[in-house]
């Protein structure tokens, strides 16, 4: 199925409009736009005037993951935000389906300026225990959903994307550094998307295009709100379950950062890098829906540094021997020992 949500009432073409809608005339595909970061990236692109194709598996009456969100709703929200929302049901594990999506985009708009690869769906398949206990079929499905889909979509969409001038390809990932993400299949999937952005940029940058990877912080998605038993109105209560929830962000924050990146004519210097939502917020002056400018990476570093400072001096040498030893001394900040952990421990041992 394919659908088009009529555009909101048009404004006169003026200098103000160019400033307010810098992506007017641009066509974007957000692959995996049903919910979470994908939905809000699509909306943020619409806020800047883009025509946004929203693809995914969940449509009204058929939601494979059993959640209520659908791509039709996302397209409607894009249009309400000031863009033109289009939707197309697509299983991105199927090359033929993605070829069909490409044909629809070419027929309707004739071009593609921005590709956002946000396909996932692996959360329910992930076992956070050791590798030897992870169900193999679930693990391989994670790789299909989180890596193969990105490769399929990038390969099929790239020829059309490269026909546009200075196009942008964004791989959505989790985490900036190479620290372990807690379980093997998840780690491998997210590391692969980061590397995919680097490799793609190496190929397309000489042609004037840009590819980057972008990671949200502690994402307050629909599913995460449900997990914490809160809503967006009382989300602060989630800190009772996890104190670090206080540093979380809505998916709109990373969406606004990516939309600003898409409108930045000087973005080529960022090609191949992994950018965080917090970094994008600082660079472009973006804020979350409540006016805050979260930076979860900096929060993690500051929280861990404070916990380390509280370790008695006599206990520090032993605590700095290994990441495991340090984790046992820093309480809830142990969650952040892996964030730059090797480099941090080396500095602690030196100093």
C-alpha atoms as a PDB file:
ATOM      1  CA  UNK A   1       0.000   0.000   0.000  1.00  0.00           C
ATOM      2  CA  UNK A   2       1.003   3.586  -0.605  1.00  0.00           C
ATOM      3  CA  UNK A   3      -0.562   6.763   0.660  1.00  0.00           C
ATOM      4  CA  UNK A   4      -0.091  10.491   0.369  1.00  0.00           C
ATOM      5  CA  UNK A   5      -1.158  12.947   3.039  1.00  0.00           C
ATOM      6  CA  UNK A   6      -2.163  16.278   1.425  1.00  0.00           C
ATOM      7  CA  UNK A   7       0.124  19.184   2.241  1.00  0.00           C
ATOM      8  CA  UNK A   8      -0.905  21.810   4.738  1.00  0.00           C
ATOM      9  CA  UNK A   9      -1.986  25.183   3.355  1.00  0.00           C
ATOM     10  CA  UNK A  10       0.918  26.704   1.471  1.00  0.00           C
ATOM     11  CA  UNK A  11       2.683  29.939   2.379  1.00  0.00           C
ATOM     12  CA  UNK A  12       3.927  32.539  -0.065  1.00  0.00           C
ATOM     13  CA  UNK A  13       7.459  31.979  -1.317  1.00  0.00           C
ATOM     14  CA  UNK A  14       9.492  34.559   0.559  1.00  0.00           C
ATOM     15  CA  UNK A  15      12.871  35.005   2.203  1.00  0.00           C
ATOM     16  CA  UNK A  16      11.202  34.197   5.523  1.00  0.00           C
ATOM     17  CA  UNK A  17       9.940  30.933   4.077  1.00  0.00           C
ATOM     18  CA  UNK A  18      13.412  30.007   2.835  1.00  0.00           C
ATOM     19  CA  UNK A  19      14.772  30.550   6.323  1.00  0.00           C
ATOM     20  CA  UNK A  20      11.907  28.783   8.090  1.00  0.00           C
ATOM     21  CA  UNK A  21      11.668  25.910   5.614  1.00  0.00           C
ATOM     22  CA  UNK A  22      15.230  25.293   4.419  1.00  0.00           C
ATOM     23  CA  UNK A  23      14.352  21.771   3.235  1.00  0.00           C
ATOM     24  CA  UNK A  24      11.480  22.889   1.029  1.00  0.00           C
ATOM     25  CA  UNK A  25      11.802  21.000  -2.255  1.00  0.00           C
ATOM     26  CA  UNK A  26      13.861  18.223  -0.693  1.00  0.00           C
ATOM     27  CA  UNK A  27      12.593  14.641  -0.713  1.00  0.00           C
ATOM     28  CA  UNK A  28      13.523  12.356   2.174  1.00  0.00           C
ATOM     29  CA  UNK A  29      12.995   8.698   2.949  1.00  0.00           C
ATOM     30  CA  UNK A  30      12.900   7.671   6.591  1.00  0.00           C
ATOM     31  CA  UNK A  31      13.151   3.897   6.494  1.00  0.00           C
ATOM     32  CA  UNK A  32      11.713   2.665   9.774  1.00  0.00           C
ATOM     33  CA  UNK A  33       9.485   5.663  10.524  1.00  0.00           C
ATOM     34  CA  UNK A  34       6.733   3.946  12.483  1.00  0.00           C
ATOM     35  CA  UNK A  35       7.729   5.099  15.970  1.00  0.00           C
ATOM     36  CA  UNK A  36      10.586   6.246  18.167  1.00  0.00           C
ATOM     37  CA  UNK A  37      13.475   8.109  16.586  1.00  0.00           C
ATOM     38  CA  UNK A  38      12.326   7.346  13.034  1.00  0.00           C
ATOM     39  CA  UNK A  39       8.928   8.953  13.541  1.00  0.00           C
ATOM     40  CA  UNK A  40      10.342  12.074  15.128  1.00  0.00           C
ATOM     41  CA  UNK A  41      13.116  12.436  12.543  1.00  0.00           C
ATOM     42  CA  UNK A  42      10.411  12.368   9.869  1.00  0.00           C
ATOM     43  CA  UNK A  43       8.398  15.026  11.693  1.00  0.00           C
ATOM     44  CA  UNK A  44      11.440  17.235  12.216  1.00  0.00           C
ATOM     45  CA  UNK A  45      12.296  17.042   8.513  1.00  0.00           C
ATOM     46  CA  UNK A  46       8.693  18.020   7.810  1.00  0.00           C
ATOM     47  CA  UNK A  47       9.045  20.989  10.157  1.00  0.00           C
ATOM     48  CA  UNK A  48      11.738  22.284   7.816  1.00  0.00           C
ATOM     49  CA  UNK A  49       9.561  21.813   4.748  1.00  0.00           C
ATOM     50  CA  UNK A  50      10.689  18.468   3.349  1.00  0.00           C
ATOM     51  CA  UNK A  51       8.559  15.926   1.574  1.00  0.00           C
ATOM     52  CA  UNK A  52       9.058  12.810   3.684  1.00  0.00           C
ATOM     53  CA  UNK A  53       8.424   9.222   2.718  1.00  0.00           C
ATOM     54  CA  UNK A  54       7.673   7.163   5.823  1.00  0.00           C
ATOM     55  CA  UNK A  55       8.225   3.445   5.381  1.00  0.00           C
ATOM     56  CA  UNK A  56       7.853   0.446   7.642  1.00  0.00           C
ATOM     57  CA  UNK A  57       5.795  -2.666   8.224  1.00  0.00           C
ATOM     58  CA  UNK A  58       3.105  -1.331  10.570  1.00  0.00           C
ATOM     59  CA  UNK A  59      -0.036   0.020   8.948  1.00  0.00           C
ATOM     60  CA  UNK A  60      -3.537   0.415  10.315  1.00  0.00           C
ATOM     61  CA  UNK A  61      -4.971  -3.007  10.885  1.00  0.00           C
ATOM     62  CA  UNK A  62      -1.591  -4.721  10.598  1.00  0.00           C
ATOM     63  CA  UNK A  63       1.073  -4.025  13.208  1.00  0.00           C
ATOM     64  CA  UNK A  64       3.562  -6.928  13.368  1.00  0.00           C
ATOM     65  CA  UNK A  65       5.050  -5.863  16.701  1.00  0.00           C
ATOM     66  CA  UNK A  66       1.665  -5.439  18.354  1.00  0.00           C
ATOM     67  CA  UNK A  67       2.118  -1.742  19.053  1.00  0.00           C
ATOM     68  CA  UNK A  68      -0.425   0.911  18.057  1.00  0.00           C
ATOM     69  CA  UNK A  69       1.840   3.222  16.043  1.00  0.00           C
ATOM     70  CA  UNK A  70       1.598   3.136  12.228  1.00  0.00           C
ATOM     71  CA  UNK A  71       3.379   4.769   9.311  1.00  0.00           C
ATOM     72  CA  UNK A  72       0.138   6.447   8.203  1.00  0.00           C
ATOM     73  CA  UNK A  73       0.082   8.317  11.515  1.00  0.00           C
ATOM     74  CA  UNK A  74       3.682   9.372  11.044  1.00  0.00           C
ATOM     75  CA  UNK A  75       2.917  10.744   7.576  1.00  0.00           C
ATOM     76  CA  UNK A  76      -0.040  12.678   8.974  1.00  0.00           C
ATOM     77  CA  UNK A  77       2.201  14.163  11.662  1.00  0.00           C
ATOM     78  CA  UNK A  78       4.765  15.189   9.030  1.00  0.00           C
ATOM     79  CA  UNK A  79       2.107  17.092   7.131  1.00  0.00           C
ATOM     80  CA  UNK A  80       0.762  18.691  10.303  1.00  0.00           C
ATOM     81  CA  UNK A  81       4.298  19.872  11.070  1.00  0.00           C
ATOM     82  CA  UNK A  82       4.517  21.760   7.752  1.00  0.00           C
ATOM     83  CA  UNK A  83       5.939  19.193   5.352  1.00  0.00           C
ATOM     84  CA  UNK A  84       4.391  16.741   2.929  1.00  0.00           C
ATOM     85  CA  UNK A  85       3.958  13.298   4.434  1.00  0.00           C
ATOM     86  CA  UNK A  86       3.833  10.196   2.284  1.00  0.00           C
ATOM     87  CA  UNK A  87       3.756   6.604   3.461  1.00  0.00           C
ATOM     88  CA  UNK A  88       4.464   3.224   1.950  1.00  0.00           C
ATOM     89  CA  UNK A  89       4.308  -0.152   3.628  1.00  0.00           C
ATOM     90  CA  UNK A  90       7.617  -1.910   3.075  1.00  0.00           C
ATOM     91  CA  UNK A  91       9.438  -4.885   4.545  1.00  0.00           C
ATOM     92  CA  UNK A  92      13.049  -3.753   4.235  1.00  0.00           C
ATOM     93  CA  UNK A  93      14.340  -7.328   4.587  1.00  0.00           C
ATOM     94  CA  UNK A  94      12.906  -7.976   1.116  1.00  0.00           C
ATOM     95  CA  UNK A  95      14.915  -6.422  -1.750  1.00  0.00           C
ATOM     96  CA  UNK A  96      11.932  -6.695  -4.096  1.00  0.00           C
ATOM     97  CA  UNK A  97       9.792  -4.682  -1.672  1.00  0.00           C
ATOM     98  CA  UNK A  98      12.471  -1.987  -1.418  1.00  0.00           C
ATOM     99  CA  UNK A  99      12.751  -1.903  -5.216  1.00  0.00           C
ATOM    100  CA  UNK A 100       8.998  -1.324  -5.265  1.00  0.00           C
ATOM    101  CA  UNK A 101       9.385   1.546  -2.800  1.00  0.00           C
ATOM    102  CA  UNK A 102      12.071   3.086  -4.991  1.00  0.00           C
ATOM    103  CA  UNK A 103       9.745   2.918  -7.988  1.00  0.00           C
ATOM    104  CA  UNK A 104       7.029   4.728  -6.016  1.00  0.00           C
ATOM    105  CA  UNK A 105       9.400   7.507  -4.965  1.00  0.00           C
ATOM    106  CA  UNK A 106      10.652   7.930  -8.523  1.00  0.00           C
ATOM    107  CA  UNK A 107       7.109   8.004  -9.903  1.00  0.00           C
ATOM    108  CA  UNK A 108       5.781  10.453  -7.311  1.00  0.00           C
ATOM    109  CA  UNK A 109       8.738  12.776  -6.751  1.00  0.00           C
ATOM    110  CA  UNK A 110      11.464  11.847  -9.222  1.00  0.00           C
ATOM    111  CA  UNK A 111      14.300  12.370  -6.766  1.00  0.00           C
ATOM    112  CA  UNK A 112      15.703  11.616  -3.335  1.00  0.00           C
ATOM    113  CA  UNK A 113      17.852  14.062  -1.348  1.00  0.00           C
ATOM    114  CA  UNK A 114      17.950  12.509   2.113  1.00  0.00           C
ATOM    115  CA  UNK A 115      17.981   8.880   3.240  1.00  0.00           C
ATOM    116  CA  UNK A 116      17.579   7.999   6.913  1.00  0.00           C
ATOM    117  CA  UNK A 117      18.263   4.330   7.685  1.00  0.00           C
ATOM    118  CA  UNK A 118      16.480   3.719  10.998  1.00  0.00           C
ATOM    119  CA  UNK A 119      15.213   0.171  10.519  1.00  0.00           C
ATOM    120  CA  UNK A 120      15.448  -1.937  13.683  1.00  0.00           C
ATOM    121  CA  UNK A 121      12.896  -4.115  15.472  1.00  0.00           C
ATOM    122  CA  UNK A 122      15.436  -6.190  17.392  1.00  0.00           C
ATOM    123  CA  UNK A 123      14.679  -5.180  20.973  1.00  0.00           C
ATOM    124  CA  UNK A 124      12.293  -8.042  21.705  1.00  0.00           C
ATOM    125  CA  UNK A 125      14.807 -10.532  20.266  1.00  0.00           C
ATOM    126  CA  UNK A 126      17.762  -9.379  22.353  1.00  0.00           C
ATOM    127  CA  UNK A 127      18.982 -11.455  25.293  1.00  0.00           C
ATOM    128  CA  UNK A 128      21.161  -9.325  27.562  1.00  0.00           C
ATOM    129  CA  UNK A 129      22.926 -12.387  28.964  1.00  0.00           C
ATOM    130  CA  UNK A 130      26.146 -13.993  27.686  1.00  0.00           C
ATOM    131  CA  UNK A 131      26.569 -14.959  24.042  1.00  0.00           C
ATOM    132  CA  UNK A 132      26.434 -18.695  24.724  1.00  0.00           C
ATOM    133  CA  UNK A 133      22.941 -18.296  26.159  1.00  0.00           C
ATOM    134  CA  UNK A 134      21.548 -16.185  23.315  1.00  0.00           C
ATOM    135  CA  UNK A 135      19.070 -17.946  21.040  1.00  0.00           C
ATOM    136  CA  UNK A 136      20.886 -18.276  17.731  1.00  0.00           C
ATOM    137  CA  UNK A 137      17.831 -17.831  15.516  1.00  0.00           C
ATOM    138  CA  UNK A 138      16.913 -14.642  17.378  1.00  0.00           C
ATOM    139  CA  UNK A 139      20.472 -13.399  17.060  1.00  0.00           C
ATOM    140  CA  UNK A 140      20.580 -13.982  13.332  1.00  0.00           C
ATOM    141  CA  UNK A 141      17.204 -12.271  13.004  1.00  0.00           C
ATOM    142  CA  UNK A 142      18.682  -9.257  14.833  1.00  0.00           C
ATOM    143  CA  UNK A 143      21.420  -9.129  12.215  1.00  0.00           C
ATOM    144  CA  UNK A 144      18.845  -9.339   9.445  1.00  0.00           C
ATOM    145  CA  UNK A 145      16.683  -6.584  10.918  1.00  0.00           C
ATOM    146  CA  UNK A 146      19.493  -4.305  12.046  1.00  0.00           C
ATOM    147  CA  UNK A 147      22.156  -4.794   9.376  1.00  0.00           C
ATOM    148  CA  UNK A 148      20.842  -6.517   6.243  1.00  0.00           C
ATOM    149  CA  UNK A 149      17.932  -4.081   5.985  1.00  0.00           C
ATOM    150  CA  UNK A 150      20.330  -1.132   6.059  1.00  0.00           C
ATOM    151  CA  UNK A 151      22.518  -2.659   3.378  1.00  0.00           C
ATOM    152  CA  UNK A 152      19.543  -3.512   1.172  1.00  0.00           C
ATOM    153  CA  UNK A 153      17.972  -0.072   1.516  1.00  0.00           C
ATOM    154  CA  UNK A 154      21.221   1.836   0.998  1.00  0.00           C
ATOM    155  CA  UNK A 155      22.183  -0.204  -2.057  1.00  0.00           C
ATOM    156  CA  UNK A 156      18.814   0.145  -3.749  1.00  0.00           C
ATOM    157  CA  UNK A 157      18.251   3.827  -2.924  1.00  0.00           C
ATOM    158  CA  UNK A 158      21.804   5.040  -3.516  1.00  0.00           C
ATOM    159  CA  UNK A 159      21.653   5.451  -7.333  1.00  0.00           C
ATOM    160  CA  UNK A 160      18.663   7.795  -7.009  1.00  0.00           C
ATOM    161  CA  UNK A 161      20.188   9.567  -3.997  1.00  0.00           C
ATOM    162  CA  UNK A 162      23.412  10.245  -5.892  1.00  0.00           C
ATOM    163  CA  UNK A 163      21.519  11.950  -8.702  1.00  0.00           C
ATOM    164  CA  UNK A 164      20.730  14.792  -6.289  1.00  0.00           C
ATOM    165  CA  UNK A 165      23.280  17.447  -5.464  1.00  0.00           C
ATOM    166  CA  UNK A 166      25.035  17.093  -2.086  1.00  0.00           C
ATOM    167  CA  UNK A 167      22.697  14.413  -0.760  1.00  0.00           C
ATOM    168  CA  UNK A 168      22.751  13.086   2.817  1.00  0.00           C
ATOM    169  CA  UNK A 169      22.612   9.522   4.123  1.00  0.00           C
ATOM    170  CA  UNK A 170      22.198   8.944   7.866  1.00  0.00           C
ATOM    171  CA  UNK A 171      22.647   5.612   9.633  1.00  0.00           C
ATOM    172  CA  UNK A 172      20.912   5.529  13.032  1.00  0.00           C
ATOM    173  CA  UNK A 173      22.976   3.635  15.592  1.00  0.00           C
ATOM    174  CA  UNK A 174      23.482   3.323  19.354  1.00  0.00           C
ATOM    175  CA  UNK A 175      26.638   4.715  20.920  1.00  0.00           C
ATOM    176  CA  UNK A 176      29.502   6.852  19.736  1.00  0.00           C
ATOM    177  CA  UNK A 177      32.551   4.826  20.779  1.00  0.00           C
ATOM    178  CA  UNK A 178      33.690   1.255  20.400  1.00  0.00           C
ATOM    179  CA  UNK A 179      32.829   0.191  23.956  1.00  0.00           C
ATOM    180  CA  UNK A 180      30.873  -3.040  24.274  1.00  0.00           C
ATOM    181  CA  UNK A 181      27.105  -2.565  24.113  1.00  0.00           C
ATOM    182  CA  UNK A 182      26.283  -5.314  26.612  1.00  0.00           C
ATOM    183  CA  UNK A 183      25.430  -8.313  24.451  1.00  0.00           C
ATOM    184  CA  UNK A 184      27.039  -9.636  21.283  1.00  0.00           C
ATOM    185  CA  UNK A 185      24.359  -9.553  18.602  1.00  0.00           C
ATOM    186  CA  UNK A 186      23.135  -6.103  19.640  1.00  0.00           C
ATOM    187  CA  UNK A 187      26.703  -4.807  19.797  1.00  0.00           C
ATOM    188  CA  UNK A 188      27.530  -6.241  16.388  1.00  0.00           C
ATOM    189  CA  UNK A 189      24.404  -4.774  14.785  1.00  0.00           C
ATOM    190  CA  UNK A 190      25.033  -1.271  16.118  1.00  0.00           C
ATOM    191  CA  UNK A 191      28.759  -1.369  15.352  1.00  0.00           C
ATOM    192  CA  UNK A 192      27.900  -2.428  11.800  1.00  0.00           C
ATOM    193  CA  UNK A 193      25.715   0.623  11.186  1.00  0.00           C
ATOM    194  CA  UNK A 194      28.473   2.905  12.426  1.00  0.00           C
ATOM    195  CA  UNK A 195      30.955   1.248  10.088  1.00  0.00           C
ATOM    196  CA  UNK A 196      28.457   1.337   7.231  1.00  0.00           C
ATOM    197  CA  UNK A 197      28.251   5.129   7.506  1.00  0.00           C
ATOM    198  CA  UNK A 198      32.047   5.378   7.425  1.00  0.00           C
ATOM    199  CA  UNK A 199      32.365   3.055   4.435  1.00  0.00           C
ATOM    200  CA  UNK A 200      29.573   4.719   2.474  1.00  0.00           C
ATOM    201  CA  UNK A 201      31.038   8.146   3.087  1.00  0.00           C
ATOM    202  CA  UNK A 202      34.408   6.933   1.838  1.00  0.00           C
ATOM    203  CA  UNK A 203      32.722   6.086  -1.463  1.00  0.00           C
ATOM    204  CA  UNK A 204      30.285   8.971  -1.903  1.00  0.00           C
ATOM    205  CA  UNK A 205      32.196  11.911  -0.417  1.00  0.00           C
ATOM    206  CA  UNK A 206      34.391  12.313  -3.523  1.00  0.00           C
ATOM    207  CA  UNK A 207      31.153  12.737  -5.471  1.00  0.00           C
ATOM    208  CA  UNK A 208      30.000  15.569  -3.196  1.00  0.00           C
ATOM    209  CA  UNK A 209      27.675  13.628  -0.891  1.00  0.00           C
ATOM    210  CA  UNK A 210      27.779  12.880   2.837  1.00  0.00           C
ATOM    211  CA  UNK A 211      27.104   9.857   5.025  1.00  0.00           C
ATOM    212  CA  UNK A 212      27.152   9.917   8.829  1.00  0.00           C
ATOM    213  CA  UNK A 213      25.956   7.791  11.723  1.00  0.00           C
ATOM    214  CA  UNK A 214      23.854   9.386  14.453  1.00  0.00           C
ATOM    215  CA  UNK A 215      23.054   8.071  17.907  1.00  0.00           C
ATOM    216  CA  UNK A 216      20.354   9.312  20.256  1.00  0.00           C
ATOM    217  CA  UNK A 217      21.047   9.519  23.978  1.00  0.00           C
ATOM    218  CA  UNK A 218      18.845   7.781  26.538  1.00  0.00           C
ATOM    219  CA  UNK A 219      15.805   7.735  24.260  1.00  0.00           C
ATOM    220  CA  UNK A 220      12.388   8.286  25.780  1.00  0.00           C
ATOM    221  CA  UNK A 221      10.553   6.413  23.041  1.00  0.00           C
ATOM    222  CA  UNK A 222       7.007   5.135  23.234  1.00  0.00           C
ATOM    223  CA  UNK A 223       8.273   1.685  24.192  1.00  0.00           C
ATOM    224  CA  UNK A 224      10.629   3.089  26.835  1.00  0.00           C
ATOM    225  CA  UNK A 225       7.844   5.129  28.406  1.00  0.00           C
ATOM    226  CA  UNK A 226       5.758   1.959  28.581  1.00  0.00           C
ATOM    227  CA  UNK A 227       8.651   0.051  30.125  1.00  0.00           C
ATOM    228  CA  UNK A 228       9.043   2.663  32.847  1.00  0.00           C
ATOM    229  CA  UNK A 229       5.293   2.897  33.386  1.00  0.00           C
ATOM    230  CA  UNK A 230       5.173   6.647  32.715  1.00  0.00           C
ATOM    231  CA  UNK A 231       3.906   9.038  30.080  1.00  0.00           C
ATOM    232  CA  UNK A 232       5.569  12.048  28.536  1.00  0.00           C
ATOM    233  CA  UNK A 233       3.664  14.203  31.026  1.00  0.00           C
ATOM    234  CA  UNK A 234       5.105  12.505  34.139  1.00  0.00           C
ATOM    235  CA  UNK A 235       8.300  11.031  32.699  1.00  0.00           C
ATOM    236  CA  UNK A 236      10.419  12.359  35.575  1.00  0.00           C
ATOM    237  CA  UNK A 237       8.867   9.645  37.742  1.00  0.00           C
ATOM    238  CA  UNK A 238      10.888   7.119  35.756  1.00  0.00           C
ATOM    239  CA  UNK A 239      13.965   8.202  37.707  1.00  0.00           C
ATOM    240  CA  UNK A 240      12.583   6.216  40.632  1.00  0.00           C
ATOM    241  CA  UNK A 241      13.342   3.070  38.625  1.00  0.00           C
ATOM    242  CA  UNK A 242      16.594   4.313  37.081  1.00  0.00           C
ATOM    243  CA  UNK A 243      18.226   7.542  38.300  1.00  0.00           C
ATOM    244  CA  UNK A 244      19.787   8.094  34.878  1.00  0.00           C
ATOM    245  CA  UNK A 245      16.331   8.479  33.348  1.00  0.00           C
ATOM    246  CA  UNK A 246      16.552  12.099  34.441  1.00  0.00           C
ATOM    247  CA  UNK A 247      19.024  12.638  31.592  1.00  0.00           C
ATOM    248  CA  UNK A 248      16.797  11.040  28.938  1.00  0.00           C
ATOM    249  CA  UNK A 249      15.501  12.804  25.863  1.00  0.00           C
ATOM    250  CA  UNK A 250      12.495  12.608  23.583  1.00  0.00           C
ATOM    251  CA  UNK A 251      13.008  11.266  20.058  1.00  0.00           C
ATOM    252  CA  UNK A 252      12.228  14.759  18.748  1.00  0.00           C
ATOM    253  CA  UNK A 253      15.623  15.947  19.996  1.00  0.00           C
ATOM    254  CA  UNK A 254      17.620  13.687  17.703  1.00  0.00           C
ATOM    255  CA  UNK A 255      15.089  14.444  14.965  1.00  0.00           C
ATOM    256  CA  UNK A 256      15.727  18.176  15.221  1.00  0.00           C
ATOM    257  CA  UNK A 257      19.466  17.607  15.189  1.00  0.00           C
ATOM    258  CA  UNK A 258      19.304  15.514  12.017  1.00  0.00           C
ATOM    259  CA  UNK A 259      16.944  17.974  10.315  1.00  0.00           C
ATOM    260  CA  UNK A 260      19.388  20.784  11.105  1.00  0.00           C
ATOM    261  CA  UNK A 261      22.234  18.670   9.736  1.00  0.00           C
ATOM    262  CA  UNK A 262      20.245  18.101   6.545  1.00  0.00           C
ATOM    263  CA  UNK A 263      19.849  21.872   6.165  1.00  0.00           C
ATOM    264  CA  UNK A 264      23.551  22.559   6.823  1.00  0.00           C
ATOM    265  CA  UNK A 265      25.427  23.300   3.603  1.00  0.00           C
ATOM    266  CA  UNK A 266      28.771  22.812   5.371  1.00  0.00           C
ATOM    267  CA  UNK A 267      28.126  19.272   6.596  1.00  0.00           C
ATOM    268  CA  UNK A 268      30.650  17.530   4.333  1.00  0.00           C
ATOM    269  CA  UNK A 269      33.372  17.977   6.946  1.00  0.00           C
ATOM    270  CA  UNK A 270      31.359  15.665   9.233  1.00  0.00           C
ATOM    271  CA  UNK A 271      31.238  12.805   6.749  1.00  0.00           C
ATOM    272  CA  UNK A 272      31.997   9.343   8.095  1.00  0.00           C
ATOM    273  CA  UNK A 273      31.725  10.401  11.718  1.00  0.00           C
ATOM    274  CA  UNK A 274      29.421   9.141  14.458  1.00  0.00           C
ATOM    275  CA  UNK A 275      27.474  12.091  15.869  1.00  0.00           C
ATOM    276  CA  UNK A 276      25.385  12.123  19.024  1.00  0.00           C
ATOM    277  CA  UNK A 277      22.107  13.955  19.468  1.00  0.00           C
ATOM    278  CA  UNK A 278      23.768  15.984  22.222  1.00  0.00           C
ATOM    279  CA  UNK A 279      26.589  17.021  19.900  1.00  0.00           C
ATOM    280  CA  UNK A 280      24.126  17.992  17.174  1.00  0.00           C
ATOM    281  CA  UNK A 281      22.141  19.981  19.714  1.00  0.00           C
ATOM    282  CA  UNK A 282      25.237  21.945  20.699  1.00  0.00           C
ATOM    283  CA  UNK A 283      26.317  22.538  17.099  1.00  0.00           C
ATOM    284  CA  UNK A 284      22.956  23.698  15.798  1.00  0.00           C
ATOM    285  CA  UNK A 285      21.353  25.110  18.943  1.00  0.00           C
ATOM    286  CA  UNK A 286      18.579  22.512  18.950  1.00  0.00           C
ATOM    287  CA  UNK A 287      16.519  21.898  22.062  1.00  0.00           C
ATOM    288  CA  UNK A 288      14.195  19.137  23.160  1.00  0.00           C
ATOM    289  CA  UNK A 289      10.455  19.720  23.384  1.00  0.00           C
ATOM    290  CA  UNK A 290      10.813  21.035  26.949  1.00  0.00           C
ATOM    291  CA  UNK A 291      13.559  23.519  26.053  1.00  0.00           C
ATOM    292  CA  UNK A 292      16.380  21.395  27.509  1.00  0.00           C
ATOM    293  CA  UNK A 293      19.490  20.463  25.561  1.00  0.00           C
ATOM    294  CA  UNK A 294      20.364  16.967  26.828  1.00  0.00           C
ATOM    295  CA  UNK A 295      23.810  15.486  26.275  1.00  0.00           C
ATOM    296  CA  UNK A 296      23.777  11.949  27.599  1.00  0.00           C
ATOM    297  CA  UNK A 297      27.405  11.253  26.731  1.00  0.00           C
ATOM    298  CA  UNK A 298      28.547  14.213  28.811  1.00  0.00           C
ATOM    299  CA  UNK A 299      26.146  13.234  31.563  1.00  0.00           C
ATOM    300  CA  UNK A 300      27.677   9.754  31.638  1.00  0.00           C
ATOM    301  CA  UNK A 301      31.216  11.130  31.863  1.00  0.00           C
ATOM    302  CA  UNK A 302      30.316  13.645  34.570  1.00  0.00           C
ATOM    303  CA  UNK A 303      28.376  11.083  36.612  1.00  0.00           C
ATOM    304  CA  UNK A 304      31.214   8.575  36.470  1.00  0.00           C
ATOM    305  CA  UNK A 305      33.795  11.232  37.336  1.00  0.00           C
ATOM    306  CA  UNK A 306      31.794  12.260  40.402  1.00  0.00           C
ATOM    307  CA  UNK A 307      31.478   8.642  41.530  1.00  0.00           C
ATOM    308  CA  UNK A 308      35.222   8.090  41.102  1.00  0.00           C
ATOM    309  CA  UNK A 309      35.996  11.211  43.118  1.00  0.00           C
ATOM    310  CA  UNK A 310      33.994   9.714  45.994  1.00  0.00           C
ATOM    311  CA  UNK A 311      36.140   6.550  46.170  1.00  0.00           C
ATOM    312  CA  UNK A 312      38.469   6.721  49.198  1.00  0.00           C
ATOM    313  CA  UNK A 313      42.051   7.405  48.116  1.00  0.00           C
ATOM    314  CA  UNK A 314      43.279   4.182  49.724  1.00  0.00           C
ATOM    315  CA  UNK A 315      40.906   2.128  47.564  1.00  0.00           C
ATOM    316  CA  UNK A 316      41.592   3.796  44.233  1.00  0.00           C
ATOM    317  CA  UNK A 317      44.652   1.836  43.067  1.00  0.00           C
ATOM    318  CA  UNK A 318      42.767  -1.451  43.268  1.00  0.00           C
ATOM    319  CA  UNK A 319      39.617   0.103  41.765  1.00  0.00           C
ATOM    320  CA  UNK A 320      41.576   1.329  38.750  1.00  0.00           C
ATOM    321  CA  UNK A 321      43.027  -2.076  37.900  1.00  0.00           C
ATOM    322  CA  UNK A 322      40.116  -3.294  35.766  1.00  0.00           C
ATOM    323  CA  UNK A 323      36.757  -2.097  34.496  1.00  0.00           C
ATOM    324  CA  UNK A 324      35.102  -4.765  36.665  1.00  0.00           C
ATOM    325  CA  UNK A 325      36.864  -3.493  39.792  1.00  0.00           C
ATOM    326  CA  UNK A 326      35.864   0.076  39.037  1.00  0.00           C
ATOM    327  CA  UNK A 327      32.250  -0.945  38.401  1.00  0.00           C
ATOM    328  CA  UNK A 328      32.091  -2.417  41.885  1.00  0.00           C
ATOM    329  CA  UNK A 329      33.051   0.929  43.426  1.00  0.00           C
ATOM    330  CA  UNK A 330      30.889   3.472  41.637  1.00  0.00           C
ATOM    331  CA  UNK A 331      27.306   2.353  42.346  1.00  0.00           C
ATOM    332  CA  UNK A 332      24.756   3.220  39.673  1.00  0.00           C
ATOM    333  CA  UNK A 333      27.487   4.944  37.640  1.00  0.00           C
ATOM    334  CA  UNK A 334      28.803   1.452  36.821  1.00  0.00           C
ATOM    335  CA  UNK A 335      26.540   1.625  33.760  1.00  0.00           C
ATOM    336  CA  UNK A 336      28.970   4.163  32.307  1.00  0.00           C
ATOM    337  CA  UNK A 337      32.273   2.413  32.925  1.00  0.00           C
ATOM    338  CA  UNK A 338      32.130   0.980  29.426  1.00  0.00           C
ATOM    339  CA  UNK A 339      31.779   4.433  27.860  1.00  0.00           C
ATOM    340  CA  UNK A 340      35.395   5.077  26.987  1.00  0.00           C
ATOM    341  CA  UNK A 341      36.304   2.645  29.747  1.00  0.00           C
ATOM    342  CA  UNK A 342      39.681   1.522  28.393  1.00  0.00           C
ATOM    343  CA  UNK A 343      40.863   5.079  27.815  1.00  0.00           C
ATOM    344  CA  UNK A 344      39.516   6.217  31.183  1.00  0.00           C
ATOM    345  CA  UNK A 345      41.257   3.437  33.101  1.00  0.00           C
ATOM    346  CA  UNK A 346      44.530   4.160  31.334  1.00  0.00           C
ATOM    347  CA  UNK A 347      44.324   7.811  32.364  1.00  0.00           C
ATOM    348  CA  UNK A 348      43.466   6.858  35.941  1.00  0.00           C
ATOM    349  CA  UNK A 349      46.435   4.523  36.158  1.00  0.00           C
ATOM    350  CA  UNK A 350      48.750   7.248  34.855  1.00  0.00           C
ATOM    351  CA  UNK A 351      47.383   9.946  37.118  1.00  0.00           C
END
